[in-house]
Amino acid sequence: MPRYDNNKFYVQPPPLNPDGDRFVDHGLAATVHDPAQDGKVRIPTLRDVAKTAPYGHNGYFANLAYMLSFLATRDTGSVEVGTCSRSAPDVPCAWPEPEVAANVDARVGHLALTPSDLDDIEAFLGTLTDE
């Protein structure tokens, strides 16, 4: 997950966040004091996922489509997020580096999903919403 520079935790007073804007979210490793858990976070249920924005443990993704695009294109870049250059609109934009690289899962980030596939996944996730 990329670092979310607008995270309000970074501006909390020193008793709550002594590292200020230099804080790195080491997730479970900070709780259990085990380096093997560096950057790992608890994954919430998918129930009502369409109504629980923002997404990602740090709120980096404003909407579900953005999160799904990241999961599918983390390693290959995404044109959907916006173009990096107006002179080369078809060149994929690179995603920011992960905040903690130790737990990057190689099974995601280069999924061969079309925009239509991503729309279908988002629609399916919407069906998991309670009334």
N, C-alpha and C. Protein backbone atom coordinates (compact mmCIF):
# COMPACT_ATOMS: atom_id res chain seq x y z
N MET A 1 0.84 -1.17 0.00
CA MET A 1 0.00 0.00 0.00
C MET A 1 0.89 1.24 0.00
N PRO A 2 0.60 2.18 -0.87
CA PRO A 2 1.40 3.42 -0.85
C PRO A 2 1.16 4.21 0.44
N ARG A 3 2.13 5.02 0.78
CA ARG A 3 2.00 5.93 1.92
C ARG A 3 0.97 7.00 1.54
N TYR A 4 0.08 7.32 2.47
CA TYR A 4 -0.94 8.34 2.23
C TYR A 4 -0.50 9.62 2.93
N ASP A 5 0.06 10.53 2.17
CA ASP A 5 0.65 11.74 2.76
C ASP A 5 -0.37 12.66 3.43
N ASN A 6 -1.65 12.51 3.10
CA ASN A 6 -2.68 13.35 3.73
C ASN A 6 -3.27 12.72 4.99
N ASN A 7 -2.67 11.66 5.48
CA ASN A 7 -3.15 10.99 6.68
C ASN A 7 -3.06 11.96 7.87
N LYS A 8 -4.18 12.17 8.52
CA LYS A 8 -4.22 13.13 9.63
C LYS A 8 -3.40 12.68 10.84
N PHE A 9 -3.02 11.41 10.87
CA PHE A 9 -2.19 10.93 11.98
C PHE A 9 -0.84 11.63 11.99
N TYR A 10 -0.33 12.01 10.82
CA TYR A 10 0.97 12.64 10.73
C TYR A 10 1.04 13.98 11.45
N VAL A 11 -0.08 14.64 11.63
CA VAL A 11 -0.09 15.95 12.28
C VAL A 11 -0.59 15.90 13.73
N GLN A 12 -0.70 14.70 14.27
CA GLN A 12 -1.11 14.58 15.67
C GLN A 12 0.03 15.04 16.58
N PRO A 13 -0.32 15.50 17.80
CA PRO A 13 0.72 15.97 18.72
C PRO A 13 1.69 14.84 19.11
N PRO A 14 2.91 15.20 19.51
CA PRO A 14 3.93 14.20 19.84
C PRO A 14 3.52 13.11 20.83
N PRO A 15 2.66 13.37 21.81
CA PRO A 15 2.28 12.24 22.67
C PRO A 15 1.56 11.13 21.91
N LEU A 16 0.86 11.48 20.83
CA LEU A 16 0.15 10.49 20.02
C LEU A 16 1.00 9.96 18.87
N ASN A 17 1.81 10.83 18.29
CA ASN A 17 2.65 10.45 17.16
C ASN A 17 4.01 11.14 17.28
N PRO A 18 4.93 10.55 18.05
CA PRO A 18 6.23 11.19 18.24
C PRO A 18 7.06 11.32 16.97
N ASP A 19 6.78 10.51 15.92
CA ASP A 19 7.53 10.58 14.68
C ASP A 19 7.02 11.63 13.70
N GLY A 20 5.84 12.22 13.99
CA GLY A 20 5.28 13.23 13.11
C GLY A 20 5.12 12.72 11.70
N ASP A 21 5.50 13.54 10.71
CA ASP A 21 5.31 13.14 9.31
C ASP A 21 6.33 12.11 8.84
N ARG A 22 7.25 11.71 9.69
CA ARG A 22 8.21 10.65 9.36
C ARG A 22 7.67 9.27 9.78
N PHE A 23 6.47 9.22 10.34
CA PHE A 23 5.89 7.96 10.81
C PHE A 23 5.76 6.96 9.65
N VAL A 24 6.12 5.72 9.92
CA VAL A 24 5.93 4.61 8.98
C VAL A 24 5.03 3.60 9.68
N ASP A 25 3.95 3.23 9.01
CA ASP A 25 3.00 2.29 9.60
C ASP A 25 3.52 0.87 9.42
N HIS A 26 4.10 0.33 10.46
CA HIS A 26 4.63 -1.04 10.41
C HIS A 26 3.57 -2.07 10.76
N GLY A 27 2.32 -1.63 10.96
CA GLY A 27 1.21 -2.54 11.17
C GLY A 27 1.41 -3.48 12.34
N LEU A 28 1.16 -4.76 12.10
CA LEU A 28 1.22 -5.78 13.14
C LEU A 28 2.59 -5.89 13.78
N ALA A 29 3.66 -5.63 13.05
CA ALA A 29 5.02 -5.74 13.61
C ALA A 29 5.19 -4.83 14.81
N ALA A 30 4.57 -3.66 14.77
CA ALA A 30 4.69 -2.72 15.90
C ALA A 30 3.94 -3.23 17.12
N THR A 31 2.89 -4.02 16.92
CA THR A 31 2.09 -4.54 18.02
C THR A 31 2.71 -5.78 18.65
N VAL A 32 3.16 -6.70 17.81
CA VAL A 32 3.67 -7.99 18.32
C VAL A 32 5.20 -8.04 18.39
N HIS A 33 5.85 -6.96 17.94
CA HIS A 33 7.31 -6.87 17.98
C HIS A 33 7.98 -8.03 17.27
N ASP A 34 7.45 -8.32 16.06
CA ASP A 34 7.98 -9.42 15.24
C ASP A 34 8.25 -8.86 13.85
N PRO A 35 9.51 -8.74 13.45
CA PRO A 35 9.83 -8.18 12.13
C PRO A 35 9.20 -8.95 10.97
N ALA A 36 8.88 -10.22 11.16
CA ALA A 36 8.25 -11.00 10.09
C ALA A 36 6.84 -10.49 9.77
N GLN A 37 6.26 -9.70 10.66
CA GLN A 37 4.92 -9.16 10.47
C GLN A 37 4.93 -7.72 9.95
N ASP A 38 6.10 -7.24 9.54
CA ASP A 38 6.25 -5.84 9.13
C ASP A 38 5.28 -5.46 8.03
N GLY A 39 4.49 -4.43 8.28
CA GLY A 39 3.56 -3.90 7.30
C GLY A 39 2.26 -4.65 7.15
N LYS A 40 2.11 -5.77 7.83
CA LYS A 40 0.86 -6.53 7.72
C LYS A 40 -0.23 -5.87 8.53
N VAL A 41 -1.43 -5.84 7.98
CA VAL A 41 -2.59 -5.24 8.66
C VAL A 41 -3.76 -6.21 8.59
N ARG A 42 -4.69 -6.02 9.48
CA ARG A 42 -5.90 -6.84 9.49
C ARG A 42 -6.79 -6.44 8.31
N ILE A 43 -7.27 -7.42 7.59
CA ILE A 43 -8.14 -7.17 6.44
C ILE A 43 -9.60 -7.28 6.90
N PRO A 44 -10.39 -6.23 6.70
CA PRO A 44 -11.78 -6.28 7.13
C PRO A 44 -12.65 -7.16 6.23
N THR A 45 -13.83 -7.44 6.69
CA THR A 45 -14.81 -8.20 5.92
C THR A 45 -15.19 -7.43 4.64
N LEU A 46 -15.69 -8.17 3.66
CA LEU A 46 -16.19 -7.53 2.44
C LEU A 46 -17.64 -7.10 2.58
N ARG A 47 -18.29 -7.47 3.66
CA ARG A 47 -19.68 -7.06 3.88
C ARG A 47 -19.75 -5.54 3.92
N ASP A 48 -20.64 -4.98 3.12
CA ASP A 48 -20.84 -3.53 3.01
C ASP A 48 -19.62 -2.79 2.48
N VAL A 49 -18.72 -3.48 1.79
CA VAL A 49 -17.50 -2.86 1.32
C VAL A 49 -17.76 -1.66 0.39
N ALA A 50 -18.84 -1.69 -0.34
CA ALA A 50 -19.14 -0.58 -1.25
C ALA A 50 -19.50 0.71 -0.52
N LYS A 51 -19.79 0.60 0.77
CA LYS A 51 -20.19 1.78 1.55
C LYS A 51 -19.13 2.21 2.57
N THR A 52 -17.92 1.65 2.51
CA THR A 52 -16.95 1.90 3.57
C THR A 52 -15.71 2.66 3.12
N ALA A 53 -15.86 3.53 2.14
CA ALA A 53 -14.71 4.33 1.68
C ALA A 53 -14.22 5.21 2.83
N PRO A 54 -12.98 5.58 2.84
CA PRO A 54 -11.93 5.26 1.89
C PRO A 54 -11.39 3.86 2.11
N TYR A 55 -10.54 3.40 1.18
CA TYR A 55 -10.05 2.03 1.19
C TYR A 55 -8.54 1.98 1.41
N GLY A 56 -8.10 0.82 1.84
CA GLY A 56 -6.71 0.64 2.23
C GLY A 56 -6.60 0.95 3.71
N HIS A 57 -5.67 0.34 4.39
CA HIS A 57 -5.57 0.52 5.83
C HIS A 57 -5.31 1.97 6.22
N ASN A 58 -4.78 2.76 5.30
CA ASN A 58 -4.48 4.14 5.61
C ASN A 58 -5.38 5.13 4.87
N GLY A 59 -6.40 4.64 4.17
CA GLY A 59 -7.34 5.51 3.47
C GLY A 59 -6.80 6.10 2.17
N TYR A 60 -5.80 5.48 1.58
CA TYR A 60 -5.17 6.01 0.37
C TYR A 60 -6.15 6.09 -0.81
N PHE A 61 -7.06 5.14 -0.91
CA PHE A 61 -7.94 5.06 -2.07
C PHE A 61 -9.32 5.65 -1.75
N ALA A 62 -9.71 6.67 -2.49
CA ALA A 62 -10.96 7.38 -2.23
C ALA A 62 -12.20 6.57 -2.59
N ASN A 63 -12.07 5.66 -3.54
CA ASN A 63 -13.24 4.88 -3.94
C ASN A 63 -12.82 3.46 -4.30
N LEU A 64 -13.80 2.59 -4.40
CA LEU A 64 -13.55 1.18 -4.64
C LEU A 64 -12.92 0.92 -6.01
N ALA A 65 -13.33 1.66 -7.02
CA ALA A 65 -12.76 1.47 -8.36
C ALA A 65 -11.26 1.76 -8.35
N TYR A 66 -10.85 2.76 -7.63
CA TYR A 66 -9.44 3.14 -7.52
C TYR A 66 -8.65 2.02 -6.82
N MET A 67 -9.22 1.46 -5.76
CA MET A 67 -8.57 0.36 -5.03
C MET A 67 -8.43 -0.88 -5.92
N LEU A 68 -9.49 -1.21 -6.65
CA LEU A 68 -9.44 -2.37 -7.53
C LEU A 68 -8.42 -2.18 -8.65
N SER A 69 -8.35 -0.97 -9.19
CA SER A 69 -7.37 -0.68 -10.23
C SER A 69 -5.96 -0.88 -9.69
N PHE A 70 -5.72 -0.43 -8.47
CA PHE A 70 -4.41 -0.62 -7.84
C PHE A 70 -4.06 -2.10 -7.71
N LEU A 71 -5.01 -2.89 -7.21
CA LEU A 71 -4.75 -4.32 -7.04
C LEU A 71 -4.42 -5.00 -8.37
N ALA A 72 -5.06 -4.54 -9.44
CA ALA A 72 -4.86 -5.16 -10.75
C ALA A 72 -3.60 -4.65 -11.45
N THR A 73 -3.19 -3.41 -11.17
CA THR A 73 -2.12 -2.80 -11.98
C THR A 73 -0.96 -2.24 -11.17
N ARG A 74 -0.84 -2.62 -9.92
CA ARG A 74 0.21 -2.07 -9.05
C ARG A 74 1.60 -2.15 -9.70
N ASP A 75 1.91 -3.26 -10.34
CA ASP A 75 3.24 -3.47 -10.90
C ASP A 75 3.38 -3.01 -12.35
N THR A 76 2.27 -2.79 -13.01
CA THR A 76 2.32 -2.45 -14.43
C THR A 76 1.94 -1.00 -14.71
N GLY A 77 1.38 -0.30 -13.74
CA GLY A 77 0.94 1.07 -13.93
C GLY A 77 -0.48 1.12 -14.44
N SER A 78 -1.13 2.25 -14.22
CA SER A 78 -2.53 2.37 -14.58
C SER A 78 -2.80 3.61 -15.40
N VAL A 79 -3.41 3.42 -16.55
CA VAL A 79 -3.85 4.55 -17.36
C VAL A 79 -5.13 5.13 -16.77
N GLU A 80 -5.94 4.29 -16.11
CA GLU A 80 -7.22 4.74 -15.57
C GLU A 80 -7.06 5.80 -14.49
N VAL A 81 -5.99 5.77 -13.75
CA VAL A 81 -5.80 6.72 -12.66
C VAL A 81 -5.59 8.12 -13.19
N GLY A 82 -5.14 8.25 -14.38
CA GLY A 82 -4.85 9.53 -14.98
C GLY A 82 -3.63 9.37 -15.86
N THR A 83 -3.41 10.29 -16.73
CA THR A 83 -2.25 10.15 -17.59
C THR A 83 -1.07 10.87 -16.95
N CYS A 84 0.10 10.29 -17.09
CA CYS A 84 1.32 10.89 -16.56
C CYS A 84 1.77 12.04 -17.44
N SER A 85 1.42 11.98 -18.72
CA SER A 85 1.88 12.98 -19.66
C SER A 85 0.81 13.18 -20.72
N ARG A 86 0.47 14.42 -20.98
CA ARG A 86 -0.51 14.69 -22.03
C ARG A 86 0.04 14.34 -23.40
N SER A 87 1.36 14.38 -23.54
CA SER A 87 1.96 14.05 -24.84
C SER A 87 2.01 12.55 -25.08
N ALA A 88 1.86 11.75 -24.02
CA ALA A 88 1.86 10.29 -24.16
C ALA A 88 0.74 9.70 -23.31
N PRO A 89 -0.52 9.94 -23.71
CA PRO A 89 -1.65 9.54 -22.86
C PRO A 89 -1.82 8.05 -22.66
N ASP A 90 -1.21 7.23 -23.50
CA ASP A 90 -1.35 5.78 -23.36
C ASP A 90 -0.25 5.14 -22.52
N VAL A 91 0.67 5.94 -22.03
CA VAL A 91 1.75 5.41 -21.18
C VAL A 91 1.20 5.29 -19.77
N PRO A 92 1.27 4.09 -19.19
CA PRO A 92 0.72 3.90 -17.85
C PRO A 92 1.44 4.74 -16.79
N CYS A 93 0.68 5.22 -15.84
CA CYS A 93 1.24 5.95 -14.70
C CYS A 93 1.71 4.94 -13.67
N ALA A 94 2.88 5.15 -13.15
CA ALA A 94 3.40 4.27 -12.11
C ALA A 94 2.73 4.60 -10.78
N TRP A 95 2.43 3.57 -10.03
CA TRP A 95 1.90 3.77 -8.69
C TRP A 95 3.06 4.13 -7.76
N PRO A 96 2.77 4.85 -6.68
CA PRO A 96 3.83 5.15 -5.71
C PRO A 96 4.37 3.86 -5.08
N GLU A 97 5.60 3.94 -4.59
CA GLU A 97 6.22 2.81 -3.91
C GLU A 97 5.42 2.47 -2.65
N PRO A 98 5.49 1.21 -2.20
CA PRO A 98 4.78 0.85 -0.97
C PRO A 98 5.42 1.50 0.25
N GLU A 99 4.59 1.79 1.24
CA GLU A 99 5.10 2.35 2.49
C GLU A 99 6.04 1.35 3.16
N VAL A 100 5.65 0.08 3.17
CA VAL A 100 6.48 -1.00 3.70
C VAL A 100 6.52 -2.08 2.62
N ALA A 101 7.68 -2.30 2.05
CA ALA A 101 7.81 -3.24 0.93
C ALA A 101 7.93 -4.70 1.37
N ALA A 102 8.13 -4.95 2.65
CA ALA A 102 8.40 -6.30 3.13
C ALA A 102 7.28 -7.30 2.84
N ASN A 103 6.06 -6.84 2.74
CA ASN A 103 4.94 -7.78 2.59
C ASN A 103 4.20 -7.64 1.26
N VAL A 104 4.84 -7.10 0.26
CA VAL A 104 4.19 -6.97 -1.05
C VAL A 104 3.94 -8.37 -1.61
N ASP A 105 2.70 -8.63 -1.95
CA ASP A 105 2.28 -9.94 -2.43
C ASP A 105 2.43 -10.00 -3.95
N ALA A 106 3.28 -10.89 -4.42
CA ALA A 106 3.55 -11.01 -5.85
C ALA A 106 2.37 -11.57 -6.64
N ARG A 107 1.32 -12.06 -5.94
CA ARG A 107 0.16 -12.62 -6.66
C ARG A 107 -0.77 -11.54 -7.17
N VAL A 108 -0.61 -10.31 -6.72
CA VAL A 108 -1.43 -9.21 -7.22
C VAL A 108 -0.50 -8.16 -7.82
N GLY A 109 -1.09 -7.21 -8.54
CA GLY A 109 -0.32 -6.11 -9.09
C GLY A 109 -0.07 -6.20 -10.58
N HIS A 110 -0.33 -7.36 -11.16
CA HIS A 110 -0.15 -7.53 -12.61
C HIS A 110 -1.23 -8.48 -13.13
N LEU A 111 -2.46 -8.22 -12.71
CA LEU A 111 -3.57 -9.08 -13.10
C LEU A 111 -4.06 -8.68 -14.49
N ALA A 112 -4.35 -9.63 -15.30
CA ALA A 112 -4.80 -9.37 -16.67
C ALA A 112 -6.31 -9.11 -16.68
N LEU A 113 -6.71 -8.01 -16.07
CA LEU A 113 -8.13 -7.65 -15.99
C LEU A 113 -8.40 -6.45 -16.87
N THR A 114 -9.50 -6.52 -17.61
CA THR A 114 -9.91 -5.39 -18.44
C THR A 114 -10.70 -4.40 -17.59
N PRO A 115 -10.90 -3.19 -18.09
CA PRO A 115 -11.77 -2.25 -17.37
C PRO A 115 -13.16 -2.84 -17.12
N SER A 116 -13.66 -3.63 -18.09
CA SER A 116 -14.96 -4.27 -17.91
C SER A 116 -14.91 -5.29 -16.78
N ASP A 117 -13.82 -6.05 -16.67
CA ASP A 117 -13.65 -7.01 -15.57
C ASP A 117 -13.69 -6.29 -14.24
N LEU A 118 -12.98 -5.17 -14.16
CA LEU A 118 -12.94 -4.41 -12.91
C LEU A 118 -14.32 -3.86 -12.57
N ASP A 119 -15.06 -3.41 -13.57
CA ASP A 119 -16.44 -2.95 -13.35
C ASP A 119 -17.30 -4.08 -12.81
N ASP A 120 -17.12 -5.28 -13.36
CA ASP A 120 -17.90 -6.44 -12.90
C ASP A 120 -17.56 -6.79 -11.45
N ILE A 121 -16.30 -6.74 -11.10
CA ILE A 121 -15.89 -7.02 -9.71
C ILE A 121 -16.48 -5.98 -8.77
N GLU A 122 -16.44 -4.72 -9.17
CA GLU A 122 -17.02 -3.67 -8.34
C GLU A 122 -18.52 -3.87 -8.18
N ALA A 123 -19.20 -4.24 -9.26
CA ALA A 123 -20.64 -4.51 -9.19
C ALA A 123 -20.92 -5.68 -8.25
N PHE A 124 -20.13 -6.75 -8.34
CA PHE A 124 -20.31 -7.89 -7.44
C PHE A 124 -20.12 -7.46 -5.99
N LEU A 125 -19.08 -6.69 -5.72
CA LEU A 125 -18.83 -6.25 -4.35
C LEU A 125 -20.01 -5.40 -3.83
N GLY A 126 -20.66 -4.68 -4.75
CA GLY A 126 -21.85 -3.91 -4.36
C GLY A 126 -23.00 -4.79 -3.92
N THR A 127 -23.04 -6.04 -4.39
CA THR A 127 -24.12 -6.94 -3.98
C THR A 127 -23.95 -7.43 -2.53
N LEU A 128 -22.79 -7.16 -1.94
CA LEU A 128 -22.53 -7.60 -0.56
C LEU A 128 -22.98 -6.56 0.45
N THR A 129 -23.77 -5.59 -0.02
CA THR A 129 -24.26 -4.51 0.83
C THR A 129 -25.58 -4.90 1.49
N ASP A 130 -25.64 -4.69 2.81
CA ASP A 130 -26.88 -4.92 3.54
C ASP A 130 -27.88 -3.82 3.22
N GLU A 131 -29.17 -4.16 3.39
CA GLU A 131 -30.20 -3.14 3.16
C GLU A 131 -30.37 -2.28 4.39
